[in-house]
Amino acid sequence: MTNPGLRASDTDRQQVIGALERHTAAGRLSLDEFGERVTRVLHASTHGELSALTADLPPDPAVATKADEVSRSHARQLAIAFALAALTLILLGVAFAVGR
């Protein structure tokens, strides 16, 4: 989360609850701790308040995995665009060579 003073949205709160669910399933939080933190998430107004609720937990592997997937997707799109541009240049070169 970027600026801790920014107001949190419902989507931000749901993402934190999802992370808390995954940490609970991994055994890092008891059900009581999970319930307490979810209550605090639902009452949180800012990103800073949300960050405080996961500060003692390791980075969420689901978030890292999603970021890796997005990065690979962008790299794939860039490679395809480069290949199409190179193919276009080759075809134009051949067309100009034949046209002479």
PDB file of N, CA and C in Angstrom:
ATOM      1  N   MET A   1       0.845  -1.174   0.000  1.00  0.00           N
ATOM      2  CA  MET A   1       0.000   0.000   0.000  1.00  0.00           C
ATOM      3  C   MET A   1       0.892   1.240   0.000  1.00  0.00           C
ATOM      4  N   THR A   2       0.527   2.192  -0.758  1.00  0.00           N
ATOM      5  CA  THR A   2       1.397   3.335  -0.977  1.00  0.00           C
ATOM      6  C   THR A   2       1.381   4.324   0.178  1.00  0.00           C
ATOM      7  N   ASN A   3       0.494   5.281   0.170  1.00  0.00           N
ATOM      8  CA  ASN A   3       0.434   6.330   1.181  1.00  0.00           C
ATOM      9  C   ASN A   3      -0.452   5.870   2.339  1.00  0.00           C
ATOM     10  N   PRO A   4       0.120   5.743   3.551  1.00  0.00           N
ATOM     11  CA  PRO A   4      -0.677   5.239   4.674  1.00  0.00           C
ATOM     12  C   PRO A   4      -1.845   6.134   5.062  1.00  0.00           C
ATOM     13  N   GLY A   5      -1.809   7.405   4.665  1.00  0.00           N
ATOM     14  CA  GLY A   5      -2.890   8.316   5.017  1.00  0.00           C
ATOM     15  C   GLY A   5      -4.067   8.295   4.052  1.00  0.00           C
ATOM     16  N   LEU A   6      -3.907   7.606   2.914  1.00  0.00           N
ATOM     17  CA  LEU A   6      -5.009   7.547   1.948  1.00  0.00           C
ATOM     18  C   LEU A   6      -6.174   6.728   2.486  1.00  0.00           C
ATOM     19  N   ARG A   7      -7.358   7.146   2.128  1.00  0.00           N
ATOM     20  CA  ARG A   7      -8.562   6.421   2.545  1.00  0.00           C
ATOM     21  C   ARG A   7      -8.616   5.060   1.858  1.00  0.00           C
ATOM     22  N   ALA A   8      -9.038   4.057   2.578  1.00  0.00           N
ATOM     23  CA  ALA A   8      -9.145   2.698   2.058  1.00  0.00           C
ATOM     24  C   ALA A   8     -10.519   2.483   1.439  1.00  0.00           C
ATOM     25  N   SER A   9     -10.551   1.672   0.391  1.00  0.00           N
ATOM     26  CA  SER A   9     -11.816   1.338  -0.267  1.00  0.00           C
ATOM     27  C   SER A   9     -12.302  -0.018   0.233  1.00  0.00           C
ATOM     28  N   ASP A  10     -13.518  -0.357  -0.134  1.00  0.00           N
ATOM     29  CA  ASP A  10     -14.050  -1.679   0.218  1.00  0.00           C
ATOM     30  C   ASP A  10     -13.204  -2.781  -0.424  1.00  0.00           C
ATOM     31  N   THR A  11     -12.727  -2.532  -1.643  1.00  0.00           N
ATOM     32  CA  THR A  11     -11.869  -3.512  -2.318  1.00  0.00           C
ATOM     33  C   THR A  11     -10.570  -3.711  -1.550  1.00  0.00           C
ATOM     34  N   ASP A  12      -9.987  -2.626  -1.050  1.00  0.00           N
ATOM     35  CA  ASP A  12      -8.769  -2.725  -0.237  1.00  0.00           C
ATOM     36  C   ASP A  12      -9.025  -3.592   0.996  1.00  0.00           C
ATOM     37  N   ARG A  13     -10.153  -3.362   1.639  1.00  0.00           N
ATOM     38  CA  ARG A  13     -10.492  -4.139   2.843  1.00  0.00           C
ATOM     39  C   ARG A  13     -10.665  -5.625   2.497  1.00  0.00           C
ATOM     40  N   GLN A  14     -11.334  -5.905   1.376  1.00  0.00           N
ATOM     41  CA  GLN A  14     -11.553  -7.298   0.975  1.00  0.00           C
ATOM     42  C   GLN A  14     -10.231  -7.991   0.655  1.00  0.00           C
ATOM     43  N   GLN A  15      -9.281  -7.266   0.058  1.00  0.00           N
ATOM     44  CA  GLN A  15      -7.971  -7.850  -0.229  1.00  0.00           C
ATOM     45  C   GLN A  15      -7.240  -8.212   1.053  1.00  0.00           C
ATOM     46  N   VAL A  16      -7.327  -7.357   2.062  1.00  0.00           N
ATOM     47  CA  VAL A  16      -6.672  -7.648   3.343  1.00  0.00           C
ATOM     48  C   VAL A  16      -7.353  -8.835   4.015  1.00  0.00           C
ATOM     49  N   ILE A  17      -8.665  -8.902   3.961  1.00  0.00           N
ATOM     50  CA  ILE A  17      -9.378 -10.047   4.543  1.00  0.00           C
ATOM     51  C   ILE A  17      -8.961 -11.333   3.832  1.00  0.00           C
ATOM     52  N   GLY A  18      -8.820 -11.279   2.497  1.00  0.00           N
ATOM     53  CA  GLY A  18      -8.360 -12.457   1.752  1.00  0.00           C
ATOM     54  C   GLY A  18      -6.975 -12.900   2.199  1.00  0.00           C
ATOM     55  N   ALA A  19      -6.084 -11.926   2.411  1.00  0.00           N
ATOM     56  CA  ALA A  19      -4.737 -12.256   2.891  1.00  0.00           C
ATOM     57  C   ALA A  19      -4.804 -12.876   4.291  1.00  0.00           C
ATOM     58  N   LEU A  20      -5.639 -12.309   5.161  1.00  0.00           N
ATOM     59  CA  LEU A  20      -5.779 -12.870   6.514  1.00  0.00           C
ATOM     60  C   LEU A  20      -6.336 -14.293   6.458  1.00  0.00           C
ATOM     61  N   GLU A  21      -7.252 -14.548   5.532  1.00  0.00           N
ATOM     62  CA  GLU A  21      -7.788 -15.916   5.375  1.00  0.00           C
ATOM     63  C   GLU A  21      -6.670 -16.880   4.989  1.00  0.00           C
ATOM     64  N   ARG A  22      -5.814 -16.471   4.047  1.00  0.00           N
ATOM     65  CA  ARG A  22      -4.715 -17.344   3.615  1.00  0.00           C
ATOM     66  C   ARG A  22      -3.716 -17.578   4.749  1.00  0.00           C
ATOM     67  N   HIS A  23      -3.441 -16.534   5.538  1.00  0.00           N
ATOM     68  CA  HIS A  23      -2.521 -16.699   6.666  1.00  0.00           C
ATOM     69  C   HIS A  23      -3.136 -17.580   7.755  1.00  0.00           C
ATOM     70  N   THR A  24      -4.427 -17.486   7.929  1.00  0.00           N
ATOM     71  CA  THR A  24      -5.102 -18.354   8.904  1.00  0.00           C
ATOM     72  C   THR A  24      -5.052 -19.802   8.440  1.00  0.00           C
ATOM     73  N   ALA A  25      -5.311 -20.019   7.145  1.00  0.00           N
ATOM     74  CA  ALA A  25      -5.257 -21.378   6.598  1.00  0.00           C
ATOM     75  C   ALA A  25      -3.850 -21.964   6.706  1.00  0.00           C
ATOM     76  N   ALA A  26      -2.829 -21.104   6.637  1.00  0.00           N
ATOM     77  CA  ALA A  26      -1.441 -21.565   6.755  1.00  0.00           C
ATOM     78  C   ALA A  26      -1.027 -21.777   8.212  1.00  0.00           C
ATOM     79  N   GLY A  27      -1.902 -21.432   9.160  1.00  0.00           N
ATOM     80  CA  GLY A  27      -1.610 -21.650  10.577  1.00  0.00           C
ATOM     81  C   GLY A  27      -0.892 -20.502  11.252  1.00  0.00           C
ATOM     82  N   ARG A  28      -0.799 -19.363  10.610  1.00  0.00           N
ATOM     83  CA  ARG A  28      -0.118 -18.220  11.226  1.00  0.00           C
ATOM     84  C   ARG A  28      -1.012 -17.449  12.184  1.00  0.00           C
ATOM     85  N   LEU A  29      -2.310 -17.567  12.010  1.00  0.00           N
ATOM     86  CA  LEU A  29      -3.273 -16.888  12.888  1.00  0.00           C
ATOM     87  C   LEU A  29      -4.265 -17.910  13.419  1.00  0.00           C
ATOM     88  N   SER A  30      -4.646 -17.735  14.681  1.00  0.00           N
ATOM     89  CA  SER A  30      -5.720 -18.569  15.232  1.00  0.00           C
ATOM     90  C   SER A  30      -7.046 -18.008  14.741  1.00  0.00           C
ATOM     91  N   LEU A  31      -8.113 -18.753  14.924  1.00  0.00           N
ATOM     92  CA  LEU A  31      -9.430 -18.260  14.510  1.00  0.00           C
ATOM     93  C   LEU A  31      -9.829 -17.016  15.294  1.00  0.00           C
ATOM     94  N   ASP A  32      -9.448 -16.964  16.568  1.00  0.00           N
ATOM     95  CA  ASP A  32      -9.744 -15.774  17.375  1.00  0.00           C
ATOM     96  C   ASP A  32      -9.004 -14.549  16.837  1.00  0.00           C
ATOM     97  N   GLU A  33      -7.699 -14.745  16.525  1.00  0.00           N
ATOM     98  CA  GLU A  33      -6.921 -13.633  15.962  1.00  0.00           C
ATOM     99  C   GLU A  33      -7.504 -13.190  14.615  1.00  0.00           C
ATOM    100  N   PHE A  34      -7.888 -14.156  13.804  1.00  0.00           N
ATOM    101  CA  PHE A  34      -8.487 -13.840  12.503  1.00  0.00           C
ATOM    102  C   PHE A  34      -9.752 -13.012  12.694  1.00  0.00           C
ATOM    103  N   GLY A  35     -10.629 -13.446  13.588  1.00  0.00           N
ATOM    104  CA  GLY A  35     -11.881 -12.724  13.836  1.00  0.00           C
ATOM    105  C   GLY A  35     -11.646 -11.306  14.320  1.00  0.00           C
ATOM    106  N   GLU A  36     -10.676 -11.164  15.214  1.00  0.00           N
ATOM    107  CA  GLU A  36     -10.354  -9.831  15.746  1.00  0.00           C
ATOM    108  C   GLU A  36      -9.819  -8.912  14.643  1.00  0.00           C
ATOM    109  N   ARG A  37      -8.932  -9.457  13.817  1.00  0.00           N
ATOM    110  CA  ARG A  37      -8.346  -8.637  12.752  1.00  0.00           C
ATOM    111  C   ARG A  37      -9.381  -8.282  11.684  1.00  0.00           C
ATOM    112  N   VAL A  38     -10.263  -9.202  11.368  1.00  0.00           N
ATOM    113  CA  VAL A  38     -11.301  -8.897  10.371  1.00  0.00           C
ATOM    114  C   VAL A  38     -12.195  -7.767  10.877  1.00  0.00           C
ATOM    115  N   THR A  39     -12.539  -7.796  12.151  1.00  0.00           N
ATOM    116  CA  THR A  39     -13.339  -6.713  12.724  1.00  0.00           C
ATOM    117  C   THR A  39     -12.605  -5.380  12.583  1.00  0.00           C
ATOM    118  N   ARG A  40     -11.302  -5.399  12.851  1.00  0.00           N
ATOM    119  CA  ARG A  40     -10.514  -4.168  12.734  1.00  0.00           C
ATOM    120  C   ARG A  40     -10.390  -3.726  11.276  1.00  0.00           C
ATOM    121  N   VAL A  41     -10.285  -4.697  10.357  1.00  0.00           N
ATOM    122  CA  VAL A  41     -10.222  -4.363   8.925  1.00  0.00           C
ATOM    123  C   VAL A  41     -11.501  -3.646   8.507  1.00  0.00           C
ATOM    124  N   LEU A  42     -12.621  -4.161   8.937  1.00  0.00           N
ATOM    125  CA  LEU A  42     -13.910  -3.585   8.538  1.00  0.00           C
ATOM    126  C   LEU A  42     -14.113  -2.178   9.086  1.00  0.00           C
ATOM    127  N   HIS A  43     -13.415  -1.850  10.164  1.00  0.00           N
ATOM    128  CA  HIS A  43     -13.514  -0.513  10.747  1.00  0.00           C
ATOM    129  C   HIS A  43     -12.371   0.407  10.307  1.00  0.00           C
ATOM    130  N   ALA A  44     -11.411  -0.118   9.552  1.00  0.00           N
ATOM    131  CA  ALA A  44     -10.255   0.671   9.122  1.00  0.00           C
ATOM    132  C   ALA A  44     -10.676   1.732   8.112  1.00  0.00           C
ATOM    133  N   SER A  45     -10.099   2.912   8.255  1.00  0.00           N
ATOM    134  CA  SER A  45     -10.399   4.017   7.343  1.00  0.00           C
ATOM    135  C   SER A  45      -9.278   4.285   6.344  1.00  0.00           C
ATOM    136  N   THR A  46      -8.038   3.967   6.729  1.00  0.00           N
ATOM    137  CA  THR A  46      -6.902   4.317   5.878  1.00  0.00           C
ATOM    138  C   THR A  46      -6.055   3.083   5.530  1.00  0.00           C
ATOM    139  N   HIS A  47      -5.198   3.268   4.534  1.00  0.00           N
ATOM    140  CA  HIS A  47      -4.271   2.201   4.151  1.00  0.00           C
ATOM    141  C   HIS A  47      -3.311   1.877   5.289  1.00  0.00           C
ATOM    142  N   GLY A  48      -2.928   2.887   6.064  1.00  0.00           N
ATOM    143  CA  GLY A  48      -2.032   2.659   7.191  1.00  0.00           C
ATOM    144  C   GLY A  48      -2.649   1.731   8.231  1.00  0.00           C
ATOM    145  N   GLU A  49      -3.933   1.933   8.504  1.00  0.00           N
ATOM    146  CA  GLU A  49      -4.628   1.057   9.463  1.00  0.00           C
ATOM    147  C   GLU A  49      -4.690  -0.372   8.927  1.00  0.00           C
ATOM    148  N   LEU A  50      -4.896  -0.517   7.621  1.00  0.00           N
ATOM    149  CA  LEU A  50      -4.931  -1.865   7.037  1.00  0.00           C
ATOM    150  C   LEU A  50      -3.555  -2.518   7.075  1.00  0.00           C
ATOM    151  N   SER A  51      -2.519  -1.746   6.770  1.00  0.00           N
ATOM    152  CA  SER A  51      -1.152  -2.285   6.774  1.00  0.00           C
ATOM    153  C   SER A  51      -0.748  -2.780   8.154  1.00  0.00           C
ATOM    154  N   ALA A  52      -1.176  -2.067   9.178  1.00  0.00           N
ATOM    155  CA  ALA A  52      -0.830  -2.454  10.547  1.00  0.00           C
ATOM    156  C   ALA A  52      -1.378  -3.839  10.894  1.00  0.00           C
ATOM    157  N   LEU A  53      -2.466  -4.232  10.259  1.00  0.00           N
ATOM    158  CA  LEU A  53      -3.104  -5.513  10.576  1.00  0.00           C
ATOM    159  C   LEU A  53      -2.388  -6.705   9.958  1.00  0.00           C
ATOM    160  N   THR A  54      -1.476  -6.464   9.013  1.00  0.00           N
ATOM    161  CA  THR A  54      -0.714  -7.554   8.413  1.00  0.00           C
ATOM    162  C   THR A  54       0.793  -7.344   8.560  1.00  0.00           C
ATOM    163  N   ALA A  55       1.196  -6.327   9.310  1.00  0.00           N
ATOM    164  CA  ALA A  55       2.619  -5.975   9.430  1.00  0.00           C
ATOM    165  C   ALA A  55       3.454  -7.095  10.047  1.00  0.00           C
ATOM    166  N   ASP A  56       2.863  -7.909  10.916  1.00  0.00           N
ATOM    167  CA  ASP A  56       3.630  -8.974  11.579  1.00  0.00           C
ATOM    168  C   ASP A  56       3.566 -10.298  10.818  1.00  0.00           C
ATOM    169  N   LEU A  57       3.010 -10.285   9.613  1.00  0.00           N
ATOM    170  CA  LEU A  57       2.879 -11.498   8.806  1.00  0.00           C
ATOM    171  C   LEU A  57       3.830 -11.419   7.611  1.00  0.00           C
ATOM    172  N   PRO A  58       4.320 -12.578   7.135  1.00  0.00           N
ATOM    173  CA  PRO A  58       5.199 -12.547   5.959  1.00  0.00           C
ATOM    174  C   PRO A  58       4.419 -12.082   4.726  1.00  0.00           C
ATOM    175  N   PRO A  59       5.134 -11.663   3.682  1.00  0.00           N
ATOM    176  CA  PRO A  59       4.440 -11.228   2.465  1.00  0.00           C
ATOM    177  C   PRO A  59       3.484 -12.319   1.966  1.00  0.00           C
ATOM    178  N   ASP A  60       2.357 -11.874   1.467  1.00  0.00           N
ATOM    179  CA  ASP A  60       1.328 -12.794   0.988  1.00  0.00           C
ATOM    180  C   ASP A  60       1.788 -13.443  -0.316  1.00  0.00           C
ATOM    181  N   PRO A  61       1.984 -14.756  -0.340  1.00  0.00           N
ATOM    182  CA  PRO A  61       2.470 -15.406  -1.564  1.00  0.00           C
ATOM    183  C   PRO A  61       1.494 -15.269  -2.733  1.00  0.00           C
ATOM    184  N   ALA A  62       0.214 -15.139  -2.479  1.00  0.00           N
ATOM    185  CA  ALA A  62      -0.758 -14.988  -3.565  1.00  0.00           C
ATOM    186  C   ALA A  62      -0.548 -13.675  -4.298  1.00  0.00           C
ATOM    187  N   VAL A  63      -0.175 -12.624  -3.578  1.00  0.00           N
ATOM    188  CA  VAL A  63       0.074 -11.323  -4.197  1.00  0.00           C
ATOM    189  C   VAL A  63       1.326 -11.393  -5.057  1.00  0.00           C
ATOM    190  N   ALA A  64       2.382 -12.023  -4.544  1.00  0.00           N
ATOM    191  CA  ALA A  64       3.616 -12.148  -5.310  1.00  0.00           C
ATOM    192  C   ALA A  64       3.391 -12.974  -6.563  1.00  0.00           C
ATOM    193  N   THR A  65       2.625 -14.052  -6.458  1.00  0.00           N
ATOM    194  CA  THR A  65       2.337 -14.899  -7.607  1.00  0.00           C
ATOM    195  C   THR A  65       1.576 -14.119  -8.661  1.00  0.00           C
ATOM    196  N   LYS A  66       0.609 -13.333  -8.263  1.00  0.00           N
ATOM    197  CA  LYS A  66      -0.170 -12.548  -9.210  1.00  0.00           C
ATOM    198  C   LYS A  66       0.725 -11.518  -9.902  1.00  0.00           C
ATOM    199  N   ALA A  67       1.609 -10.875  -9.156  1.00  0.00           N
ATOM    200  CA  ALA A  67       2.523  -9.895  -9.742  1.00  0.00           C
ATOM    201  C   ALA A  67       3.447 -10.568 -10.746  1.00  0.00           C
ATOM    202  N   ASP A  68       3.909 -11.780 -10.440  1.00  0.00           N
ATOM    203  CA  ASP A  68       4.762 -12.518 -11.369  1.00  0.00           C
ATOM    204  C   ASP A  68       4.004 -12.847 -12.650  1.00  0.00           C
ATOM    205  N   GLU A  69       2.738 -13.239 -12.521  1.00  0.00           N
ATOM    206  CA  GLU A  69       1.926 -13.559 -13.692  1.00  0.00           C
ATOM    207  C   GLU A  69       1.738 -12.322 -14.571  1.00  0.00           C
ATOM    208  N   VAL A  70       1.478 -11.173 -13.965  1.00  0.00           N
ATOM    209  CA  VAL A  70       1.300  -9.931 -14.716  1.00  0.00           C
ATOM    210  C   VAL A  70       2.599  -9.576 -15.425  1.00  0.00           C
ATOM    211  N   SER A  71       3.724  -9.722 -14.730  1.00  0.00           N
ATOM    212  CA  SER A  71       5.023  -9.416 -15.318  1.00  0.00           C
ATOM    213  C   SER A  71       5.306 -10.319 -16.512  1.00  0.00           C
ATOM    214  N   ARG A  72       5.034 -11.607 -16.384  1.00  0.00           N
ATOM    215  CA  ARG A  72       5.239 -12.542 -17.498  1.00  0.00           C
ATOM    216  C   ARG A  72       4.318 -12.209 -18.661  1.00  0.00           C
ATOM    217  N   SER A  73       3.087 -11.823 -18.364  1.00  0.00           N
ATOM    218  CA  SER A  73       2.128 -11.468 -19.406  1.00  0.00           C
ATOM    219  C   SER A  73       2.621 -10.249 -20.191  1.00  0.00           C
ATOM    220  N   HIS A  74       3.123  -9.239 -19.476  1.00  0.00           N
ATOM    221  CA  HIS A  74       3.646  -8.046 -20.139  1.00  0.00           C
ATOM    222  C   HIS A  74       4.865  -8.393 -20.991  1.00  0.00           C
ATOM    223  N   ALA A  75       5.730  -9.240 -20.488  1.00  0.00           N
ATOM    224  CA  ALA A  75       6.921  -9.644 -21.238  1.00  0.00           C
ATOM    225  C   ALA A  75       6.520 -10.395 -22.502  1.00  0.00           C
ATOM    226  N   ARG A  76       5.527 -11.251 -22.399  1.00  0.00           N
ATOM    227  CA  ARG A  76       5.035 -12.013 -23.549  1.00  0.00           C
ATOM    228  C   ARG A  76       4.455 -11.066 -24.604  1.00  0.00           C
ATOM    229  N   GLN A  77       3.653 -10.090 -24.162  1.00  0.00           N
ATOM    230  CA  GLN A  77       3.063  -9.127 -25.096  1.00  0.00           C
ATOM    231  C   GLN A  77       4.147  -8.305 -25.778  1.00  0.00           C
ATOM    232  N   LEU A  78       5.165  -7.912 -25.043  1.00  0.00           N
ATOM    233  CA  LEU A  78       6.268  -7.140 -25.613  1.00  0.00           C
ATOM    234  C   LEU A  78       7.024  -7.968 -26.642  1.00  0.00           C
ATOM    235  N   ALA A  79       7.276  -9.243 -26.369  1.00  0.00           N
ATOM    236  CA  ALA A  79       7.975 -10.119 -27.309  1.00  0.00           C
ATOM    237  C   ALA A  79       7.169 -10.293 -28.594  1.00  0.00           C
ATOM    238  N   ILE A  80       5.862 -10.447 -28.467  1.00  0.00           N
ATOM    239  CA  ILE A  80       5.009 -10.583 -29.650  1.00  0.00           C
ATOM    240  C   ILE A  80       5.030  -9.300 -30.474  1.00  0.00           C
ATOM    241  N   ALA A  81       4.936  -8.154 -29.822  1.00  0.00           N
ATOM    242  CA  ALA A  81       4.971  -6.872 -30.536  1.00  0.00           C
ATOM    243  C   ALA A  81       6.308  -6.696 -31.253  1.00  0.00           C
ATOM    244  N   PHE A  82       7.398  -7.073 -30.602  1.00  0.00           N
ATOM    245  CA  PHE A  82       8.722  -6.966 -31.221  1.00  0.00           C
ATOM    246  C   PHE A  82       8.819  -7.888 -32.432  1.00  0.00           C
ATOM    247  N   ALA A  83       8.330  -9.106 -32.304  1.00  0.00           N
ATOM    248  CA  ALA A  83       8.377 -10.059 -33.415  1.00  0.00           C
ATOM    249  C   ALA A  83       7.554  -9.556 -34.603  1.00  0.00           C
ATOM    250  N   LEU A  84       6.383  -9.004 -34.338  1.00  0.00           N
ATOM    251  CA  LEU A  84       5.554  -8.459 -35.417  1.00  0.00           C
ATOM    252  C   LEU A  84       6.226  -7.269 -36.092  1.00  0.00           C
ATOM    253  N   ALA A  85       6.859  -6.404 -35.311  1.00  0.00           N
ATOM    254  CA  ALA A  85       7.566  -5.258 -35.887  1.00  0.00           C
ATOM    255  C   ALA A  85       8.726  -5.728 -36.755  1.00  0.00           C
ATOM    256  N   ALA A  86       9.492  -6.715 -36.288  1.00  0.00           N
ATOM    257  CA  ALA A  86      10.615  -7.245 -37.068  1.00  0.00           C
ATOM    258  C   ALA A  86      10.114  -7.884 -38.355  1.00  0.00           C
ATOM    259  N   LEU A  87       9.041  -8.656 -38.288  1.00  0.00           N
ATOM    260  CA  LEU A  87       8.466  -9.284 -39.475  1.00  0.00           C
ATOM    261  C   LEU A  87       7.997  -8.229 -40.477  1.00  0.00           C
ATOM    262  N   THR A  88       7.381  -7.166 -39.981  1.00  0.00           N
ATOM    263  CA  THR A  88       6.929  -6.079 -40.847  1.00  0.00           C
ATOM    264  C   THR A  88       8.113  -5.430 -41.557  1.00  0.00           C
ATOM    265  N   LEU A  89       9.189  -5.174 -40.838  1.00  0.00           N
ATOM    266  CA  LEU A  89      10.383  -4.576 -41.456  1.00  0.00           C
ATOM    267  C   LEU A  89      10.979  -5.493 -42.515  1.00  0.00           C
ATOM    268  N   ILE A  90      11.028  -6.780 -42.250  1.00  0.00           N
ATOM    269  CA  ILE A  90      11.562  -7.733 -43.233  1.00  0.00           C
ATOM    270  C   ILE A  90      10.697  -7.744 -44.491  1.00  0.00           C
ATOM    271  N   LEU A  91       9.372  -7.799 -44.311  1.00  0.00           N
ATOM    272  CA  LEU A  91       8.469  -7.807 -45.465  1.00  0.00           C
ATOM    273  C   LEU A  91       8.575  -6.507 -46.273  1.00  0.00           C
ATOM    274  N   LEU A  92       8.686  -5.377 -45.593  1.00  0.00           N
ATOM    275  CA  LEU A  92       8.861  -4.111 -46.299  1.00  0.00           C
ATOM    276  C   LEU A  92      10.177  -4.084 -47.060  1.00  0.00           C
ATOM    277  N   GLY A  93      11.229  -4.591 -46.447  1.00  0.00           N
ATOM    278  CA  GLY A  93      12.529  -4.658 -47.129  1.00  0.00           C
ATOM    279  C   GLY A  93      12.468  -5.515 -48.382  1.00  0.00           C
ATOM    280  N   VAL A  94      11.813  -6.683 -48.277  1.00  0.00           N
ATOM    281  CA  VAL A  94      11.666  -7.561 -49.431  1.00  0.00           C
ATOM    282  C   VAL A  94      10.826  -6.876 -50.511  1.00  0.00           C
ATOM    283  N   ALA A  95       9.745  -6.222 -50.130  1.00  0.00           N
ATOM    284  CA  ALA A  95       8.878  -5.555 -51.097  1.00  0.00           C
ATOM    285  C   ALA A  95       9.630  -4.434 -51.819  1.00  0.00           C
ATOM    286  N   PHE A  96      10.415  -3.645 -51.102  1.00  0.00           N
ATOM    287  CA  PHE A  96      11.187  -2.586 -51.742  1.00  0.00           C
ATOM    288  C   PHE A  96      12.276  -3.166 -52.645  1.00  0.00           C
ATOM    289  N   ALA A  97      12.911  -4.268 -52.233  1.00  0.00           N
ATOM    290  CA  ALA A  97      13.961  -4.894 -53.044  1.00  0.00           C
ATOM    291  C   ALA A  97      13.380  -5.459 -54.333  1.00  0.00           C
ATOM    292  N   VAL A  98      12.222  -6.076 -54.274  1.00  0.00           N
ATOM    293  CA  VAL A  98      11.590  -6.653 -55.450  1.00  0.00           C
ATOM    294  C   VAL A  98      11.076  -5.543 -56.368  1.00  0.00           C
ATOM    295  N   GLY A  99      10.638  -4.442 -55.818  1.00  0.00           N
ATOM    296  CA  GLY A  99      10.075  -3.341 -56.589  1.00  0.00           C
ATOM    297  C   GLY A  99      11.102  -2.563 -57.376  1.00  0.00           C
ATOM    298  N   ARG A 100      12.360  -2.722 -57.124  1.00  0.00           N
ATOM    299  CA  ARG A 100      13.420  -1.980 -57.844  1.00  0.00           C
ATOM    300  C   ARG A 100      13.702  -2.580 -59.141  1.00  0.00           C
TER     301      ARG A 100
END
